[in-house]
Amino acid sequence: MRQVCAILNGVFRFGIKSIRLTLQQLQSASRIDPPSGSLRVTIPGSVEAWEISVIYFRAGYTPLDFQSASDYDVRFLLEASLAIKCPSIPLQLVGSKKIQEFITHGDLLEQLLKKAAANGGEPFSEDDLASIRKTWMPMWSLDKDRGLGAQLARKNYKNLVLKPQREGGGNNIYHDYIPGFLDALPAAEYEAWIAMELINTPSAANVMIKTGDSKGTLSSTVSELGIYGWSLFNGSSCGESNVGGWLLRTKGKESDEGGVAVGISVLDSPLLM
């Protein structure tokens, strides 16, 4: 995504025009029209400025995507526009491991949900809150000076996983690799990681069929069910929210990492008993 991308001029199923640009290209191609706040983008080689209704971020999730301060300025410009951001900065942050770790401690969850109920949202009982907390795994900061996570990671590493602020497979540190990783990790980078208790997922015999393997392989597997949802926000309030589908991924029990795109997991279907 950091390379110069081609412009997608094709008209898709619903007749929606799609423009694909990097953060670097947007520095000179984007502007906000006052007083409406609408985002206008000029396609390279054209003088016409298109009004953008939805911004979908294919990049912008790692520091490597931001090559200069100007890239951050563009990200904030897009955020300040009237266009729908997917995700917005608050939603992108709340999905990070560090924010998830922060919410698991104290009564922050209760404060947030009670505030939402006071603003017209769905009320949550104490039983509801307890049920939500039961679905979480314990997490700890890996702050080298104050964090409990670093101590636990060295003492109980066989039952923990270290996670950074990254998405997709191949980023986590498991089991016996943890002590050596901590020894080599610069002190300044400790705060970028959290320690999480491993999920002990029940295993089952299943046949996985991957590219080039027409017969499939019978092995002991574990599965992960992901529920998709969408929410449309208007400022600080949620206007609409609903479930958008599901995805079941299955992998061999011996594999710590997951991910369909990297060839570790396969797409699966649930069998309701």
C-alpha atoms as a PDB file:
ATOM      1  CA  MET A   1       0.000   0.000   0.000  1.00  0.00           C
ATOM      2  CA  ARG A   2       2.925   2.366   0.428  1.00  0.00           C
ATOM      3  CA  GLN A   3       3.733   2.122  -3.277  1.00  0.00           C
ATOM      4  CA  VAL A   4       1.947   4.270  -5.808  1.00  0.00           C
ATOM      5  CA  CYS A   5      -1.396   2.568  -6.378  1.00  0.00           C
ATOM      6  CA  ALA A   6      -3.450   2.522  -9.532  1.00  0.00           C
ATOM      7  CA  ILE A   7      -6.798   4.250  -9.555  1.00  0.00           C
ATOM      8  CA  LEU A   8      -9.726   1.886  -9.674  1.00  0.00           C
ATOM      9  CA  ASN A   9     -12.052   3.460 -12.234  1.00  0.00           C
ATOM     10  CA  GLY A  10     -14.307   0.428 -12.594  1.00  0.00           C
ATOM     11  CA  VAL A  11     -17.945   0.610 -11.678  1.00  0.00           C
ATOM     12  CA  PHE A  12     -18.860  -2.214  -9.319  1.00  0.00           C
ATOM     13  CA  ARG A  13     -22.084  -4.084  -8.647  1.00  0.00           C
ATOM     14  CA  PHE A  14     -23.910  -1.114  -7.141  1.00  0.00           C
ATOM     15  CA  GLY A  15     -22.448   1.506  -9.451  1.00  0.00           C
ATOM     16  CA  ILE A  16     -20.201   2.951  -6.758  1.00  0.00           C
ATOM     17  CA  LYS A  17     -17.018   4.624  -7.962  1.00  0.00           C
ATOM     18  CA  SER A  18     -13.909   3.579  -6.023  1.00  0.00           C
ATOM     19  CA  ILE A  19     -10.663   5.566  -5.793  1.00  0.00           C
ATOM     20  CA  ARG A  20      -7.542   3.964  -4.317  1.00  0.00           C
ATOM     21  CA  LEU A  21      -4.826   6.335  -3.080  1.00  0.00           C
ATOM     22  CA  THR A  22      -1.961   6.209  -0.613  1.00  0.00           C
ATOM     23  CA  LEU A  23      -1.569   8.592   2.307  1.00  0.00           C
ATOM     24  CA  GLN A  24       1.290  10.197   0.403  1.00  0.00           C
ATOM     25  CA  GLN A  25      -0.885  10.826  -2.677  1.00  0.00           C
ATOM     26  CA  LEU A  26      -3.680  12.240  -0.547  1.00  0.00           C
ATOM     27  CA  GLN A  27      -1.403  15.003   0.752  1.00  0.00           C
ATOM     28  CA  SER A  28      -1.905  16.930  -2.466  1.00  0.00           C
ATOM     29  CA  ALA A  29      -5.138  15.321  -3.669  1.00  0.00           C
ATOM     30  CA  SER A  30      -7.517  15.874  -0.733  1.00  0.00           C
ATOM     31  CA  ARG A  31      -9.201  18.826   0.897  1.00  0.00           C
ATOM     32  CA  ILE A  32     -12.214  19.633   3.068  1.00  0.00           C
ATOM     33  CA  ASP A  33     -14.803  22.011   1.654  1.00  0.00           C
ATOM     34  CA  PRO A  34     -16.076  24.580   4.179  1.00  0.00           C
ATOM     35  CA  PRO A  35     -18.650  25.007   5.560  1.00  0.00           C
ATOM     36  CA  SER A  36     -20.155  21.604   4.693  1.00  0.00           C
ATOM     37  CA  GLY A  37     -17.134  19.604   5.855  1.00  0.00           C
ATOM     38  CA  SER A  38     -17.323  17.323   2.818  1.00  0.00           C
ATOM     39  CA  LEU A  39     -14.133  15.610   1.665  1.00  0.00           C
ATOM     40  CA  ARG A  40     -13.011  16.284  -1.891  1.00  0.00           C
ATOM     41  CA  VAL A  41     -10.388  14.166  -3.667  1.00  0.00           C
ATOM     42  CA  THR A  42      -8.808  14.926  -7.028  1.00  0.00           C
ATOM     43  CA  ILE A  43      -7.713  11.928  -9.078  1.00  0.00           C
ATOM     44  CA  PRO A  44      -4.121  12.321 -10.338  1.00  0.00           C
ATOM     45  CA  GLY A  45      -4.155  13.606 -13.909  1.00  0.00           C
ATOM     46  CA  SER A  46      -7.641  15.095 -13.534  1.00  0.00           C
ATOM     47  CA  VAL A  47      -8.996  18.464 -12.447  1.00  0.00           C
ATOM     48  CA  GLU A  48     -12.306  17.128 -11.146  1.00  0.00           C
ATOM     49  CA  ALA A  49     -12.645  16.889  -7.356  1.00  0.00           C
ATOM     50  CA  TRP A  50     -14.882  14.012  -6.274  1.00  0.00           C
ATOM     51  CA  GLU A  51     -16.906  14.203  -3.080  1.00  0.00           C
ATOM     52  CA  ILE A  52     -16.096  11.157  -0.919  1.00  0.00           C
ATOM     53  CA  SER A  53     -18.860   9.508   1.100  1.00  0.00           C
ATOM     54  CA  VAL A  54     -16.973   6.539   2.643  1.00  0.00           C
ATOM     55  CA  ILE A  55     -13.282   6.123   3.497  1.00  0.00           C
ATOM     56  CA  TYR A  56     -12.087   2.530   3.897  1.00  0.00           C
ATOM     57  CA  PHE A  57      -8.580   2.220   5.332  1.00  0.00           C
ATOM     58  CA  ARG A  58      -6.636  -0.621   3.756  1.00  0.00           C
ATOM     59  CA  ALA A  59      -3.493   0.752   5.408  1.00  0.00           C
ATOM     60  CA  GLY A  60      -2.721   3.045   8.324  1.00  0.00           C
ATOM     61  CA  TYR A  61      -2.585   0.368  11.019  1.00  0.00           C
ATOM     62  CA  THR A  62       1.184   0.228  11.604  1.00  0.00           C
ATOM     63  CA  PRO A  63       3.868   2.917  12.106  1.00  0.00           C
ATOM     64  CA  LEU A  64       5.476   1.840   8.828  1.00  0.00           C
ATOM     65  CA  ASP A  65       2.425   3.158   6.968  1.00  0.00           C
ATOM     66  CA  PHE A  66       3.202   6.689   8.164  1.00  0.00           C
ATOM     67  CA  GLN A  67       6.420   7.820   6.515  1.00  0.00           C
ATOM     68  CA  SER A  68       6.324  11.441   7.687  1.00  0.00           C
ATOM     69  CA  ALA A  69       4.408  13.924   9.826  1.00  0.00           C
ATOM     70  CA  SER A  70       2.478  14.877   6.684  1.00  0.00           C
ATOM     71  CA  ASP A  71       0.967  11.380   6.561  1.00  0.00           C
ATOM     72  CA  TYR A  72      -0.414  11.871  10.071  1.00  0.00           C
ATOM     73  CA  ASP A  73      -1.775  15.287   9.002  1.00  0.00           C
ATOM     74  CA  VAL A  74      -3.662  13.598   6.157  1.00  0.00           C
ATOM     75  CA  ARG A  75      -5.077  10.985   8.528  1.00  0.00           C
ATOM     76  CA  PHE A  76      -6.417  13.733  10.797  1.00  0.00           C
ATOM     77  CA  LEU A  77      -7.807  15.636   7.799  1.00  0.00           C
ATOM     78  CA  LEU A  78      -9.746  12.558   6.693  1.00  0.00           C
ATOM     79  CA  GLU A  79     -10.997  12.085  10.253  1.00  0.00           C
ATOM     80  CA  ALA A  80     -12.232  15.685  10.434  1.00  0.00           C
ATOM     81  CA  SER A  81     -14.253  15.360   7.226  1.00  0.00           C
ATOM     82  CA  LEU A  82     -17.943  14.560   6.897  1.00  0.00           C
ATOM     83  CA  ALA A  83     -17.175  11.247   5.156  1.00  0.00           C
ATOM     84  CA  ILE A  84     -17.870   7.977   6.967  1.00  0.00           C
ATOM     85  CA  LYS A  85     -14.579   6.527   8.232  1.00  0.00           C
ATOM     86  CA  CYS A  86     -14.048   2.770   8.373  1.00  0.00           C
ATOM     87  CA  PRO A  87     -12.641   2.715  10.950  1.00  0.00           C
ATOM     88  CA  SER A  88     -12.709   6.080  12.678  1.00  0.00           C
ATOM     89  CA  ILE A  89      -9.771   6.863  14.972  1.00  0.00           C
ATOM     90  CA  PRO A  90     -11.741   6.031  18.180  1.00  0.00           C
ATOM     91  CA  LEU A  91     -12.867   2.668  16.765  1.00  0.00           C
ATOM     92  CA  GLN A  92      -9.355   1.881  15.528  1.00  0.00           C
ATOM     93  CA  LEU A  93      -7.922   2.615  18.966  1.00  0.00           C
ATOM     94  CA  VAL A  94     -10.544   0.665  20.903  1.00  0.00           C
ATOM     95  CA  GLY A  95      -9.653  -2.421  18.881  1.00  0.00           C
ATOM     96  CA  SER A  96      -6.014  -2.278  19.939  1.00  0.00           C
ATOM     97  CA  LYS A  97      -4.584  -4.733  22.456  1.00  0.00           C
ATOM     98  CA  LYS A  98      -3.523  -1.962  24.837  1.00  0.00           C
ATOM     99  CA  ILE A  99      -7.039  -0.512  25.120  1.00  0.00           C
ATOM    100  CA  GLN A 100      -8.464  -4.008  25.578  1.00  0.00           C
ATOM    101  CA  GLU A 101      -5.996  -4.640  28.401  1.00  0.00           C
ATOM    102  CA  PHE A 102      -6.898  -1.316  30.012  1.00  0.00           C
ATOM    103  CA  ILE A 103     -10.637  -2.084  29.964  1.00  0.00           C
ATOM    104  CA  THR A 104     -10.161  -5.436  31.710  1.00  0.00           C
ATOM    105  CA  HIS A 105      -8.990  -3.696  34.895  1.00  0.00           C
ATOM    106  CA  GLY A 106     -10.992  -1.685  37.413  1.00  0.00           C
ATOM    107  CA  ASP A 107     -14.590  -0.675  36.723  1.00  0.00           C
ATOM    108  CA  LEU A 108     -14.063   1.070  33.367  1.00  0.00           C
ATOM    109  CA  LEU A 109     -16.417  -1.325  31.572  1.00  0.00           C
ATOM    110  CA  GLU A 110     -19.182  -0.595  34.079  1.00  0.00           C
ATOM    111  CA  GLN A 111     -18.615   3.156  33.736  1.00  0.00           C
ATOM    112  CA  LEU A 112     -18.780   3.055  29.944  1.00  0.00           C
ATOM    113  CA  LEU A 113     -21.909   0.903  29.720  1.00  0.00           C
ATOM    114  CA  LYS A 114     -23.746   2.838  32.428  1.00  0.00           C
ATOM    115  CA  LYS A 115     -22.902   6.097  30.659  1.00  0.00           C
ATOM    116  CA  ALA A 116     -24.218   4.659  27.402  1.00  0.00           C
ATOM    117  CA  ALA A 117     -27.456   3.612  29.126  1.00  0.00           C
ATOM    118  CA  ALA A 118     -27.845   7.094  30.603  1.00  0.00           C
ATOM    119  CA  ASN A 119     -27.618   8.525  27.071  1.00  0.00           C
ATOM    120  CA  GLY A 120     -30.457   6.348  25.821  1.00  0.00           C
ATOM    121  CA  GLY A 121     -28.546   3.137  25.177  1.00  0.00           C
ATOM    122  CA  GLU A 122     -29.446  -0.386  26.273  1.00  0.00           C
ATOM    123  CA  PRO A 123     -29.314  -0.844  30.064  1.00  0.00           C
ATOM    124  CA  PHE A 124     -27.013  -3.543  31.448  1.00  0.00           C
ATOM    125  CA  SER A 125     -27.657  -5.419  34.686  1.00  0.00           C
ATOM    126  CA  GLU A 126     -24.950  -6.638  37.036  1.00  0.00           C
ATOM    127  CA  ASP A 127     -25.483 -10.142  35.629  1.00  0.00           C
ATOM    128  CA  ASP A 128     -24.947  -8.782  32.111  1.00  0.00           C
ATOM    129  CA  LEU A 129     -21.688  -7.156  33.143  1.00  0.00           C
ATOM    130  CA  ALA A 130     -20.510 -10.339  34.847  1.00  0.00           C
ATOM    131  CA  SER A 131     -21.354 -12.374  31.736  1.00  0.00           C
ATOM    132  CA  ILE A 132     -19.331  -9.997  29.564  1.00  0.00           C
ATOM    133  CA  ARG A 133     -16.315 -10.220  31.855  1.00  0.00           C
ATOM    134  CA  LYS A 134     -16.447 -14.034  31.777  1.00  0.00           C
ATOM    135  CA  THR A 135     -15.693 -13.933  28.051  1.00  0.00           C
ATOM    136  CA  TRP A 136     -12.401 -12.071  28.594  1.00  0.00           C
ATOM    137  CA  MET A 137      -8.992 -13.551  29.203  1.00  0.00           C
ATOM    138  CA  PRO A 138      -6.798 -11.840  31.842  1.00  0.00           C
ATOM    139  CA  MET A 139      -4.350  -9.315  30.350  1.00  0.00           C
ATOM    140  CA  TRP A 140      -1.468  -7.373  31.850  1.00  0.00           C
ATOM    141  CA  SER A 141       0.725  -4.500  30.792  1.00  0.00           C
ATOM    142  CA  LEU A 142       4.272  -5.392  29.785  1.00  0.00           C
ATOM    143  CA  ASP A 143       5.648  -2.110  31.133  1.00  0.00           C
ATOM    144  CA  LYS A 144       9.159  -3.122  32.218  1.00  0.00           C
ATOM    145  CA  ASP A 145       9.301  -0.798  35.250  1.00  0.00           C
ATOM    146  CA  ARG A 146       5.799  -1.123  36.730  1.00  0.00           C
ATOM    147  CA  GLY A 147       3.889  -3.763  34.820  1.00  0.00           C
ATOM    148  CA  LEU A 148       2.915  -7.075  36.359  1.00  0.00           C
ATOM    149  CA  GLY A 149       2.874  -8.590  32.874  1.00  0.00           C
ATOM    150  CA  ALA A 150       6.669  -8.702  32.524  1.00  0.00           C
ATOM    151  CA  GLN A 151       7.005 -10.575  35.816  1.00  0.00           C
ATOM    152  CA  LEU A 152       4.263 -13.053  34.935  1.00  0.00           C
ATOM    153  CA  ALA A 153       5.661 -13.543  31.428  1.00  0.00           C
ATOM    154  CA  ARG A 154       8.936 -14.789  32.869  1.00  0.00           C
ATOM    155  CA  LYS A 155       7.419 -16.975  35.588  1.00  0.00           C
ATOM    156  CA  ASN A 156       4.361 -18.359  33.804  1.00  0.00           C
ATOM    157  CA  TYR A 157       5.383 -18.101  30.153  1.00  0.00           C
ATOM    158  CA  LYS A 158       4.056 -21.563  29.228  1.00  0.00           C
ATOM    159  CA  ASN A 159       0.499 -20.358  29.881  1.00  0.00           C
ATOM    160  CA  LEU A 160       0.787 -16.880  28.331  1.00  0.00           C
ATOM    161  CA  VAL A 161       1.077 -15.189  24.955  1.00  0.00           C
ATOM    162  CA  LEU A 162       2.694 -11.811  24.248  1.00  0.00           C
ATOM    163  CA  LYS A 163       0.748  -9.600  21.852  1.00  0.00           C
ATOM    164  CA  PRO A 164       1.733  -6.318  20.167  1.00  0.00           C
ATOM    165  CA  GLN A 165      -0.514  -3.661  18.613  1.00  0.00           C
ATOM    166  CA  ARG A 166      -0.747  -5.594  15.344  1.00  0.00           C
ATOM    167  CA  GLU A 167      -3.406  -7.454  13.408  1.00  0.00           C
ATOM    168  CA  GLY A 168      -3.130 -10.688  11.438  1.00  0.00           C
ATOM    169  CA  GLY A 169      -0.986 -13.755  12.044  1.00  0.00           C
ATOM    170  CA  GLY A 170       2.706 -13.989  12.789  1.00  0.00           C
ATOM    171  CA  ASN A 171       3.010 -11.203  15.375  1.00  0.00           C
ATOM    172  CA  ASN A 172       2.560 -12.974  18.721  1.00  0.00           C
ATOM    173  CA  ILE A 173       5.182 -14.652  20.932  1.00  0.00           C
ATOM    174  CA  TYR A 174       4.287 -17.983  22.578  1.00  0.00           C
ATOM    175  CA  HIS A 175       5.496 -20.383  25.261  1.00  0.00           C
ATOM    176  CA  ASP A 176       9.215 -21.175  25.368  1.00  0.00           C
ATOM    177  CA  TYR A 177      10.062 -18.299  23.036  1.00  0.00           C
ATOM    178  CA  ILE A 178       8.932 -15.680  25.582  1.00  0.00           C
ATOM    179  CA  PRO A 179      11.967 -15.538  27.960  1.00  0.00           C
ATOM    180  CA  GLY A 180      14.511 -15.137  25.169  1.00  0.00           C
ATOM    181  CA  PHE A 181      12.315 -12.573  23.430  1.00  0.00           C
ATOM    182  CA  LEU A 182      12.092 -10.502  26.619  1.00  0.00           C
ATOM    183  CA  ASP A 183      15.862 -10.652  27.059  1.00  0.00           C
ATOM    184  CA  ALA A 184      16.349  -9.135  23.599  1.00  0.00           C
ATOM    185  CA  LEU A 185      13.453  -6.632  23.747  1.00  0.00           C
ATOM    186  CA  PRO A 186      14.635  -3.015  24.232  1.00  0.00           C
ATOM    187  CA  ALA A 187      13.220  -1.428  27.397  1.00  0.00           C
ATOM    188  CA  ALA A 188      11.572   1.338  25.356  1.00  0.00           C
ATOM    189  CA  GLU A 189       9.462  -1.240  23.478  1.00  0.00           C
ATOM    190  CA  TYR A 190       8.012  -3.045  26.491  1.00  0.00           C
ATOM    191  CA  GLU A 191       4.945  -0.788  26.607  1.00  0.00           C
ATOM    192  CA  ALA A 192       4.037  -1.828  23.049  1.00  0.00           C
ATOM    193  CA  TRP A 193       3.210  -5.356  24.291  1.00  0.00           C
ATOM    194  CA  ILE A 194       0.678  -6.990  26.589  1.00  0.00           C
ATOM    195  CA  ALA A 195       0.712 -10.444  28.215  1.00  0.00           C
ATOM    196  CA  MET A 196      -2.488 -12.477  27.912  1.00  0.00           C
ATOM    197  CA  GLU A 197      -3.498 -15.803  29.411  1.00  0.00           C
ATOM    198  CA  LEU A 198      -3.784 -18.450  26.702  1.00  0.00           C
ATOM    199  CA  ILE A 199      -7.246 -19.617  25.674  1.00  0.00           C
ATOM    200  CA  ASN A 200      -7.597 -23.358  26.227  1.00  0.00           C
ATOM    201  CA  THR A 201      -9.771 -24.187  23.253  1.00  0.00           C
ATOM    202  CA  PRO A 202     -11.389 -27.658  23.075  1.00  0.00           C
ATOM    203  CA  SER A 203     -10.009 -29.695  20.176  1.00  0.00           C
ATOM    204  CA  ALA A 204     -11.776 -32.083  17.806  1.00  0.00           C
ATOM    205  CA  ALA A 205     -10.850 -34.363  14.913  1.00  0.00           C
ATOM    206  CA  ASN A 206     -11.493 -32.661  11.590  1.00  0.00           C
ATOM    207  CA  VAL A 207     -10.413 -32.830   7.954  1.00  0.00           C
ATOM    208  CA  MET A 208      -8.659 -29.734   6.618  1.00  0.00           C
ATOM    209  CA  ILE A 209      -8.433 -29.231   2.856  1.00  0.00           C
ATOM    210  CA  LYS A 210      -5.854 -26.729   1.628  1.00  0.00           C
ATOM    211  CA  THR A 211      -4.645 -25.698  -1.831  1.00  0.00           C
ATOM    212  CA  GLY A 212      -2.962 -28.610  -3.598  1.00  0.00           C
ATOM    213  CA  ASP A 213      -4.355 -31.176  -1.138  1.00  0.00           C
ATOM    214  CA  SER A 214      -7.448 -32.657  -2.780  1.00  0.00           C
ATOM    215  CA  LYS A 215      -7.908 -35.458  -0.218  1.00  0.00           C
ATOM    216  CA  GLY A 216      -7.520 -33.362   2.904  1.00  0.00           C
ATOM    217  CA  THR A 217      -5.705 -34.099   6.147  1.00  0.00           C
ATOM    218  CA  LEU A 218      -7.322 -35.604   9.246  1.00  0.00           C
ATOM    219  CA  SER A 219      -5.884 -33.994  12.368  1.00  0.00           C
ATOM    220  CA  SER A 220      -6.709 -32.639  15.814  1.00  0.00           C
ATOM    221  CA  THR A 221      -8.029 -29.129  15.270  1.00  0.00           C
ATOM    222  CA  VAL A 222      -9.278 -26.067  17.101  1.00  0.00           C
ATOM    223  CA  SER A 223     -11.689 -23.475  15.741  1.00  0.00           C
ATOM    224  CA  GLU A 224     -12.322 -19.778  16.208  1.00  0.00           C
ATOM    225  CA  LEU A 225     -15.736 -18.256  15.550  1.00  0.00           C
ATOM    226  CA  GLY A 226     -15.764 -14.565  14.687  1.00  0.00           C
ATOM    227  CA  ILE A 227     -18.994 -12.552  14.661  1.00  0.00           C
ATOM    228  CA  TYR A 228     -19.023  -9.547  12.356  1.00  0.00           C
ATOM    229  CA  GLY A 229     -20.976  -6.451  13.183  1.00  0.00           C
ATOM    230  CA  TRP A 230     -21.351  -2.872  12.040  1.00  0.00           C
ATOM    231  CA  SER A 231     -22.098   0.367  13.823  1.00  0.00           C
ATOM    232  CA  LEU A 232     -22.817   3.793  12.367  1.00  0.00           C
ATOM    233  CA  PHE A 233     -21.904   6.635  14.704  1.00  0.00           C
ATOM    234  CA  ASN A 234     -23.038  10.245  14.716  1.00  0.00           C
ATOM    235  CA  GLY A 235     -20.456  12.030  16.784  1.00  0.00           C
ATOM    236  CA  SER A 236     -20.346  10.337  20.186  1.00  0.00           C
ATOM    237  CA  SER A 237     -23.686   8.546  19.785  1.00  0.00           C
ATOM    238  CA  CYS A 238     -24.369   5.282  17.949  1.00  0.00           C
ATOM    239  CA  GLY A 239     -27.164   5.746  15.432  1.00  0.00           C
ATOM    240  CA  GLU A 240     -27.419   2.167  14.138  1.00  0.00           C
ATOM    241  CA  SER A 241     -25.775  -1.145  14.995  1.00  0.00           C
ATOM    242  CA  ASN A 242     -26.343  -4.712  13.880  1.00  0.00           C
ATOM    243  CA  VAL A 243     -24.755  -8.123  13.256  1.00  0.00           C
ATOM    244  CA  GLY A 244     -23.184  -8.487   9.826  1.00  0.00           C
ATOM    245  CA  GLY A 245     -22.323 -12.192   9.553  1.00  0.00           C
ATOM    246  CA  TRP A 246     -19.796 -14.702  10.860  1.00  0.00           C
ATOM    247  CA  LEU A 247     -16.566 -16.483   9.989  1.00  0.00           C
ATOM    248  CA  LEU A 248     -15.337 -19.812  11.364  1.00  0.00           C
ATOM    249  CA  ARG A 249     -11.603 -20.556  11.080  1.00  0.00           C
ATOM    250  CA  THR A 250     -10.109 -23.965  11.869  1.00  0.00           C
ATOM    251  CA  LYS A 251      -6.412 -24.846  12.296  1.00  0.00           C
ATOM    252  CA  GLY A 252      -4.275 -27.701  13.538  1.00  0.00           C
ATOM    253  CA  LYS A 253      -4.014 -27.848  17.333  1.00  0.00           C
ATOM    254  CA  GLU A 254      -0.210 -27.830  17.116  1.00  0.00           C
ATOM    255  CA  SER A 255      -0.213 -24.353  15.536  1.00  0.00           C
ATOM    256  CA  ASP A 256      -0.134 -21.287  17.799  1.00  0.00           C
ATOM    257  CA  GLU A 257      -0.763 -18.762  15.067  1.00  0.00           C
ATOM    258  CA  GLY A 258      -3.850 -18.516  12.902  1.00  0.00           C
ATOM    259  CA  GLY A 259      -4.910 -16.761   9.731  1.00  0.00           C
ATOM    260  CA  VAL A 260      -6.509 -17.990   6.521  1.00  0.00           C
ATOM    261  CA  ALA A 261      -4.575 -15.618   4.247  1.00  0.00           C
ATOM    262  CA  VAL A 262      -1.207 -16.897   5.515  1.00  0.00           C
ATOM    263  CA  GLY A 263      -2.218 -20.539   4.942  1.00  0.00           C
ATOM    264  CA  ILE A 264      -2.423 -21.691   8.565  1.00  0.00           C
ATOM    265  CA  SER A 265      -6.196 -21.847   9.015  1.00  0.00           C
ATOM    266  CA  VAL A 266      -9.000 -22.966   6.713  1.00  0.00           C
ATOM    267  CA  LEU A 267     -12.545 -21.671   6.361  1.00  0.00           C
ATOM    268  CA  ASP A 268     -15.046 -23.901   8.120  1.00  0.00           C
ATOM    269  CA  SER A 269     -18.760 -24.252   8.847  1.00  0.00           C
ATOM    270  CA  PRO A 270     -20.285 -24.790  12.304  1.00  0.00           C
ATOM    271  CA  LEU A 271     -22.228 -27.932  13.157  1.00  0.00           C
ATOM    272  CA  LEU A 272     -24.872 -27.052  15.729  1.00  0.00           C
ATOM    273  CA  MET A 273     -25.549 -29.871  18.190  1.00  0.00           C
END
